[in-house]
Each structure stands twice: as structure tokens, then as C-alpha cells.
Amino acid sequence: MIQANMKSVTFTIFEKEHPILMRNLQVTSHLKEWDHKTEHMTGLYFTFSLKEGTKEDALLLFEDNLLEVEKLLGFYKFSVSQGEQQIHKIAVTGDHPFIKEFTEKIAKQTELPIVPLTKEHIFSAKNELVPEKFKTLLGLSLKEVQ
């Protein structure tokens, strides 16, 4: 699974629903080059638009991270699982404004099927929309609930 946001890319490998390898990669991002705001309805941390440059310039910041992802895939295959296991698909999630383009780059570079994790609306007991930024914490809090 790859989770991409404005400041980092987190890469986690799971075996039978258990995380066995995790790597957090920092993105060399210059937030001052972006206009941003928090969207009240969705609760997203950022809605970004570039002040200067292009989308391609912004995506170049992820190039090093893509190389690291490939290295981690190789490390898992040959060192962790000693050639017995390999990655069959990649789930992608995150609130980066160019997540779609980032996902396309991952698919092209790794040649693995991509499973986008959809953003479903979650409502509280008071029927209020739970902000996107809290969904990971909500998932962790519900992990052990039977």
C-alpha cells in the first residue's frame, strides 16, 4: 500500500493482512509555492493549486520516492521473502492533489495492478460528515472492534 500526501509517501507491505515492512519517505515539497485551504465539507487538509510551475514540476518531487518504491519491492522479494514471495498489486491512497497522476506513474514504473482505495463518506452518530483527515485514525480505533 502506498499513501501519498504533500509531505510524505508511506509504503507498507502486507502479508496476510499484517504489515511486515514499512517505509516513510519524505517529499521535498515547498508548501510556500502552493495556494492552499482546508475544505470545510470534505475535511481535507489541503486543496492546492500551484502558484508557479506546472503539474509536471510538482510530480518531479516524487521521482526519488518512486525509485525508493522500486528498491523496496526488490528488497522485499529478494531479502525479506528470499525470493519466495513477490508483490502482486499496489493499493494507493492519500490526499495529495495529484494523486491520480502519481498513481499513473506508479503503475507505469512498477507494471503492477493498482487498486485505488476509494474515499467513501463516513458519518458520525450525529450524522455529521467525518473529515477525510480523521479516517486513518478512525480505522485504527475500529481495528479491534468485533
Protein backbone atom coordinates (compact mmCIF):
# COMPACT_ATOMS: atom_id res chain seq x y z
CA MET A 1 0.00 0.00 0.00
CA ILE A 2 1.22 3.49 -0.82
CA GLN A 3 -0.19 6.55 0.94
CA ALA A 4 0.83 9.89 -0.62
CA ASN A 5 0.30 13.35 0.79
CA MET A 6 2.02 16.71 0.45
CA LYS A 7 4.82 15.94 2.88
CA SER A 8 5.48 12.21 2.62
CA VAL A 9 4.87 8.90 0.91
CA THR A 10 4.35 5.92 3.18
CA PHE A 11 4.98 2.49 1.69
CA THR A 12 3.74 -0.60 3.56
CA ILE A 13 3.96 -4.24 2.54
CA PHE A 14 1.39 -6.60 3.99
CA GLU A 15 1.39 -10.39 4.23
CA LYS A 16 -1.99 -11.89 5.12
CA GLU A 17 -3.26 -8.50 6.31
CA HIS A 18 -0.28 -7.95 8.63
CA PRO A 19 2.24 -5.18 7.92
CA ILE A 20 5.73 -6.64 7.65
CA LEU A 21 7.69 -3.78 6.09
CA MET A 22 7.03 -0.05 6.28
CA ARG A 23 8.96 2.92 5.00
CA ASN A 24 8.09 6.60 5.31
CA LEU A 25 9.68 8.70 2.58
CA GLN A 26 9.76 12.47 2.91
CA VAL A 27 8.80 14.57 -0.09
CA THR A 28 10.95 17.62 -0.67
CA SER A 29 7.95 19.87 -1.02
CA HIS A 30 7.88 23.62 -0.89
CA LEU A 31 4.46 24.35 0.55
CA LYS A 32 5.01 28.08 0.15
CA GLU A 33 4.80 27.55 -3.62
CA TRP A 34 1.19 26.40 -3.26
CA ASP A 35 -2.04 28.22 -2.54
CA HIS A 36 -3.97 26.10 -0.10
CA LYS A 37 -7.01 25.94 2.08
CA THR A 38 -8.79 23.37 4.17
CA GLU A 39 -12.05 22.27 2.61
CA HIS A 40 -14.77 22.52 5.22
CA MET A 41 -17.09 19.89 3.72
CA THR A 42 -14.55 17.18 2.99
CA GLY A 43 -12.18 17.97 5.84
CA LEU A 44 -9.20 17.53 3.55
CA TYR A 45 -6.07 19.14 4.91
CA PHE A 46 -5.26 20.73 1.61
CA THR A 47 -6.85 21.84 -1.58
CA PHE A 48 -3.86 23.01 -3.55
CA SER A 49 -3.19 24.93 -6.66
CA LEU A 50 0.26 25.83 -7.85
CA LYS A 51 1.31 29.47 -7.64
CA GLU A 52 4.15 28.87 -10.09
CA GLY A 53 5.31 25.96 -12.20
CA THR A 54 3.36 23.10 -13.69
CA LYS A 55 1.83 19.85 -12.53
CA GLU A 56 4.84 18.05 -14.03
CA ASP A 57 7.18 20.16 -11.90
CA ALA A 58 5.25 19.16 -8.81
CA LEU A 59 5.29 15.49 -9.79
CA LEU A 60 9.08 15.59 -10.23
CA LEU A 61 9.29 15.82 -6.44
CA PHE A 62 8.02 12.23 -6.30
CA GLU A 63 10.63 10.78 -8.67
CA ASP A 64 13.05 9.87 -5.87
CA ASN A 65 10.19 8.27 -3.96
CA LEU A 66 9.27 6.15 -6.97
CA LEU A 67 12.85 4.88 -7.15
CA GLU A 68 12.67 4.03 -3.44
CA VAL A 69 9.44 2.12 -4.01
CA GLU A 70 11.16 0.01 -6.66
CA LYS A 71 14.09 -0.63 -4.31
CA LEU A 72 11.72 -1.70 -1.54
CA LEU A 73 9.89 -4.07 -3.89
CA GLY A 74 13.23 -5.69 -4.74
CA PHE A 75 14.33 -5.75 -1.10
CA TYR A 76 11.11 -7.48 -0.09
CA LYS A 77 11.29 -10.02 -2.90
CA PHE A 78 14.94 -11.00 -2.51
CA SER A 79 15.86 -10.25 1.11
CA VAL A 80 12.73 -10.42 3.24
CA SER A 81 10.97 -13.31 1.47
CA GLN A 82 14.19 -14.81 0.00
CA GLY A 83 12.66 -15.00 -3.47
CA GLU A 84 9.59 -16.93 -2.32
CA GLN A 85 7.11 -14.03 -2.39
CA GLN A 86 6.50 -11.02 -4.57
CA ILE A 87 4.09 -8.11 -4.66
CA HIS A 88 1.04 -8.76 -6.84
CA LYS A 89 -0.78 -5.42 -6.56
CA ILE A 90 -0.45 -1.97 -5.03
CA ALA A 91 -3.21 -0.14 -3.17
CA VAL A 92 -2.89 3.64 -3.40
CA THR A 93 -4.48 6.23 -1.15
CA GLY A 94 -3.79 9.75 0.08
CA ASP A 95 -4.86 13.34 -0.14
CA HIS A 96 -2.19 14.67 -2.48
CA PRO A 97 -3.86 16.92 -5.08
CA PHE A 98 -2.14 15.00 -7.90
CA ILE A 99 -2.79 11.51 -6.50
CA LYS A 100 -4.28 10.37 -9.82
CA GLU A 101 -1.14 11.33 -11.76
CA PHE A 102 1.11 9.87 -9.06
CA THR A 103 -0.85 6.61 -9.26
CA GLU A 104 -0.37 6.51 -13.04
CA LYS A 105 3.39 6.93 -12.59
CA ILE A 106 3.46 4.09 -10.04
CA ALA A 107 1.53 1.80 -12.41
CA LYS A 108 3.83 2.59 -15.31
CA GLN A 109 7.05 2.20 -13.35
CA THR A 110 6.17 -0.96 -11.42
CA GLU A 111 3.96 -2.63 -14.05
CA LEU A 112 1.75 -3.90 -11.21
CA PRO A 113 -2.04 -3.61 -10.98
CA ILE A 114 -3.13 -0.58 -8.96
CA VAL A 115 -6.06 -0.76 -6.57
CA PRO A 116 -7.27 2.73 -5.67
CA LEU A 117 -8.72 2.89 -2.17
CA THR A 118 -11.95 4.78 -2.65
CA LYS A 119 -12.92 7.64 -0.43
CA GLU A 120 -16.31 6.77 0.96
CA HIS A 121 -18.19 9.27 3.06
CA ILE A 122 -18.33 8.31 6.71
CA PHE A 123 -20.85 9.94 9.02
CA SER A 124 -20.79 10.30 12.80
CA ALA A 125 -23.57 9.24 15.15
CA LYS A 126 -24.87 12.82 14.84
CA ASN A 127 -24.98 12.37 11.03
CA GLU A 128 -22.06 14.78 10.51
CA LEU A 129 -19.50 14.09 7.80
CA VAL A 130 -16.24 12.79 9.29
CA PRO A 131 -13.37 14.81 7.79
CA GLU A 132 -11.01 12.91 5.49
CA LYS A 133 -8.03 13.65 7.73
CA PHE A 134 -9.55 11.53 10.53
CA LYS A 135 -10.31 8.39 8.52
CA THR A 136 -6.96 6.73 9.22
CA LEU A 137 -7.38 7.29 12.95
CA LEU A 138 -10.96 6.05 12.80
CA GLY A 139 -9.79 2.89 11.05
CA LEU A 140 -7.13 2.30 13.70
CA SER A 141 -9.63 2.85 16.51
CA LEU A 142 -12.05 0.32 14.99
CA LYS A 143 -9.36 -2.27 14.24
CA GLU A 144 -10.02 -4.39 17.33
CA VAL A 145 -13.79 -3.87 17.47
CA GLN A 146 -15.67 -7.14 16.98
